Amino acid sequence: MTWKLDPAHSAVTFSTKHMMITTVRGTLQIRDFDLRFDPDRVEDSGVRVTLDAASIDTGQAARDEHLRSPDFLAVEEYPIIEFASTRAEGMGTTGRIFGDLTIRGTTRPVVLETEYAGRVPNLQGGDRIAFAARTKINRDDFGLTWNMALEQGGWLVGKEILVEIEIAAVSAVEERSQVA
């Protein structure tokens, strides 16, 4: 079955260390979403998600502009970040989605550790499903290598990025939006 994203109840967030001791968090907006999922036939499932790289938001305008620049995401040249699954396993309540993540024109394999929250009837007559997923990536693997050495040792920006995803999707039957 094909599912449609419910953007009001979905989010892609990330976090990394700043100056080795504090955590910076941010979000990216989902531009495009394609999900095929049947809990009885997980092996036939697939997902493709495209994020708008320019939508990066950490709550600090100057930092966000730097993250959009050629030092990091180079959004003018690489306007999207994309994940395309290659296979899925498990999905009783937990599972894994294997796929290819492309950032700044570089594609690397990643594994999303997932939690399937279940399927419920939707207020508009269709069904609703929800997932949570997370993965860690090394930003250097994607060419995001800008950094500054700290006088006391270490680096200004952490190399490890935690990506967390919350997805709510509705069956094609639903036609009107429900924000609550």
Protein backbone atom coordinates (compact mmCIF):
# COMPACT_ATOMS: atom_id res chain seq x y z
CA MET A 1 0.00 0.00 0.00
CA THR A 2 1.17 3.53 -0.80
CA TRP A 3 1.02 6.14 1.94
CA LYS A 4 0.91 9.95 1.90
CA LEU A 5 2.98 12.04 4.33
CA ASP A 6 1.17 13.91 7.09
CA PRO A 7 3.56 16.89 7.36
CA ALA A 8 1.80 18.33 10.42
CA HIS A 9 2.82 15.24 12.41
CA SER A 10 6.21 14.45 10.84
CA ALA A 11 9.70 15.84 11.47
CA VAL A 12 13.36 15.33 10.58
CA THR A 13 15.74 16.57 13.26
CA PHE A 14 19.49 16.37 13.76
CA SER A 15 21.97 17.12 16.51
CA THR A 16 25.73 17.37 16.94
CA LYS A 17 28.22 18.63 19.50
CA HIS A 18 29.43 22.24 19.54
CA MET A 19 32.81 22.96 21.17
CA MET A 20 32.73 19.32 22.34
CA ILE A 21 30.39 19.97 25.27
CA THR A 22 27.06 21.42 24.12
CA THR A 23 24.52 20.02 21.67
CA VAL A 24 23.16 21.94 18.69
CA ARG A 25 19.82 20.74 17.33
CA GLY A 26 18.08 21.56 14.08
CA THR A 27 15.40 20.57 11.61
CA LEU A 28 15.02 20.03 7.88
CA GLN A 29 11.77 20.17 5.91
CA ILE A 30 10.53 17.18 3.92
CA ARG A 31 10.12 18.18 0.27
CA ASP A 32 9.00 14.84 -1.20
CA PHE A 33 7.98 11.51 0.33
CA ASP A 34 7.13 8.13 -1.16
CA LEU A 35 6.30 5.17 1.11
CA ARG A 36 5.15 1.67 0.23
CA PHE A 37 4.45 -0.33 3.37
CA ASP A 38 2.49 -3.43 4.31
CA PRO A 39 3.34 -4.83 7.77
CA ASP A 40 2.56 -8.33 6.48
CA ARG A 41 5.04 -7.99 3.57
CA VAL A 42 7.89 -5.87 4.92
CA GLU A 43 10.22 -7.24 2.24
CA ASP A 44 8.13 -5.39 -0.39
CA SER A 45 8.35 -2.08 1.48
CA GLY A 46 10.30 0.93 0.34
CA VAL A 47 10.74 4.59 1.17
CA ARG A 48 12.23 7.60 -0.56
CA VAL A 49 12.49 10.94 1.24
CA THR A 50 13.80 14.20 -0.18
CA LEU A 51 14.70 17.03 2.19
CA ASP A 52 15.04 20.70 1.30
CA ALA A 53 18.67 21.48 2.24
CA ALA A 54 17.99 25.24 2.33
CA SER A 55 15.31 24.69 5.01
CA ILE A 56 17.95 23.88 7.63
CA ASP A 57 16.96 25.60 10.88
CA THR A 58 18.93 25.59 14.12
CA GLY A 59 17.25 28.66 15.55
CA GLN A 60 20.27 30.88 14.84
CA ALA A 61 20.14 32.77 11.52
CA ALA A 62 23.91 33.30 11.20
CA ARG A 63 24.65 29.63 11.89
CA ASP A 64 21.94 28.55 9.44
CA GLU A 65 23.45 30.73 6.69
CA HIS A 66 26.86 29.19 7.36
CA LEU A 67 25.35 25.69 7.18
CA ARG A 68 23.79 26.58 3.78
CA SER A 69 27.14 27.90 2.47
CA PRO A 70 29.81 25.97 0.51
CA ASP A 71 31.55 25.26 3.84
CA PHE A 72 28.75 22.78 4.62
CA LEU A 73 25.67 21.93 2.53
CA ALA A 74 26.36 24.19 -0.50
CA VAL A 75 22.60 24.45 -1.05
CA GLU A 76 22.85 26.44 -4.28
CA GLU A 77 24.68 23.53 -5.92
CA TYR A 78 23.04 20.71 -3.90
CA PRO A 79 19.49 21.82 -3.02
CA ILE A 80 18.30 18.43 -1.75
CA ILE A 81 19.28 15.70 0.67
CA GLU A 82 17.83 12.33 -0.27
CA PHE A 83 17.35 8.91 1.31
CA ALA A 84 16.27 5.91 -0.78
CA SER A 85 15.78 2.53 0.87
CA THR A 86 17.31 -0.62 -0.57
CA ARG A 87 15.68 -3.12 1.81
CA ALA A 88 13.81 -3.43 5.10
CA GLU A 89 13.85 -6.08 7.77
CA GLY A 90 11.92 -6.70 10.95
CA MET A 91 9.16 -4.16 11.64
CA GLY A 92 7.11 -6.03 14.21
CA THR A 93 7.64 -3.06 16.49
CA THR A 94 11.33 -2.58 15.67
CA GLY A 95 13.30 -3.11 12.52
CA ARG A 96 15.88 -1.71 10.18
CA ILE A 97 15.69 0.14 6.91
CA PHE A 98 18.84 -0.06 4.81
CA GLY A 99 19.38 2.58 2.16
CA ASP A 100 21.46 5.19 0.44
CA LEU A 101 21.78 8.70 1.85
CA THR A 102 22.92 11.48 -0.49
CA ILE A 103 24.22 14.75 0.96
CA ARG A 104 26.12 17.31 -1.08
CA GLY A 105 26.30 14.94 -4.06
CA THR A 106 27.92 12.13 -2.06
CA THR A 107 26.00 8.90 -1.51
CA ARG A 108 26.75 6.49 1.34
CA PRO A 109 24.88 3.51 2.75
CA VAL A 110 23.12 4.01 6.10
CA VAL A 111 20.92 1.93 8.37
CA LEU A 112 17.88 3.45 10.06
CA GLU A 113 16.91 1.77 13.33
CA THR A 114 13.13 1.99 13.24
CA GLU A 115 10.12 1.67 15.49
CA TYR A 116 6.75 1.00 13.93
CA ALA A 117 4.11 2.55 16.20
CA GLY A 118 1.23 0.84 14.43
CA ARG A 119 -1.82 1.47 12.30
CA VAL A 120 -5.07 3.11 13.42
CA PRO A 121 -8.26 4.29 11.72
CA ASN A 122 -8.03 7.92 10.68
CA LEU A 123 -10.70 10.54 11.36
CA GLN A 124 -11.26 10.95 7.59
CA GLY A 125 -12.07 7.30 6.91
CA GLY A 126 -8.67 5.98 5.89
CA ASP A 127 -5.83 4.67 8.02
CA ARG A 128 -2.85 6.28 9.72
CA ILE A 129 0.57 4.74 10.45
CA ALA A 130 3.56 6.12 12.32
CA PHE A 131 7.28 5.39 12.50
CA ALA A 132 10.28 6.68 14.39
CA ALA A 133 13.79 6.15 13.03
CA ARG A 134 17.30 7.18 13.90
CA THR A 135 20.80 6.85 12.58
CA LYS A 136 24.23 8.34 13.18
CA ILE A 137 26.43 9.54 10.36
CA ASN A 138 29.93 10.97 10.16
CA ARG A 139 29.62 14.31 8.35
CA ASP A 140 33.15 13.93 6.92
CA ASP A 141 31.86 10.94 4.90
CA PHE A 142 29.64 13.38 2.97
CA GLY A 143 32.25 16.09 2.35
CA LEU A 144 31.08 18.29 5.25
CA THR A 145 34.62 18.76 6.54
CA TRP A 146 34.76 22.44 7.58
CA ASN A 147 35.87 22.83 11.18
CA MET A 148 38.02 24.88 13.53
CA ALA A 149 40.51 23.54 16.06
CA LEU A 150 39.88 24.74 19.60
CA GLU A 151 42.69 26.28 21.64
CA GLN A 152 42.04 23.83 24.50
CA GLY A 153 42.00 20.88 22.07
CA GLY A 154 39.20 19.30 20.08
CA TRP A 155 36.95 20.80 17.43
CA LEU A 156 34.28 23.48 17.14
CA VAL A 157 31.80 21.20 15.32
CA GLY A 158 31.30 17.51 16.11
CA LYS A 159 31.80 14.99 13.33
CA GLU A 160 29.01 12.66 14.43
CA ILE A 161 25.47 13.73 13.49
CA LEU A 162 22.45 12.06 15.08
CA VAL A 163 19.47 12.06 12.71
CA GLU A 164 16.02 11.41 14.18
CA ILE A 165 12.86 11.01 12.13
CA GLU A 166 9.20 10.94 13.12
CA ILE A 167 6.83 10.05 10.30
CA ALA A 168 3.05 9.96 10.25
CA ALA A 169 1.43 8.83 7.01
CA VAL A 170 -2.14 8.41 5.86
CA SER A 171 -3.75 6.11 3.34
CA ALA A 172 -4.78 7.58 -0.01
CA VAL A 173 -8.44 7.55 1.09
CA GLU A 174 -7.90 10.65 3.24
CA GLU A 175 -8.69 13.82 1.32
CA ARG A 176 -8.95 16.66 3.81
CA SER A 177 -6.33 17.82 6.28
CA GLN A 178 -6.60 17.25 10.03
CA VAL A 179 -4.04 19.28 11.97
CA ALA A 180 -4.84 18.45 15.61
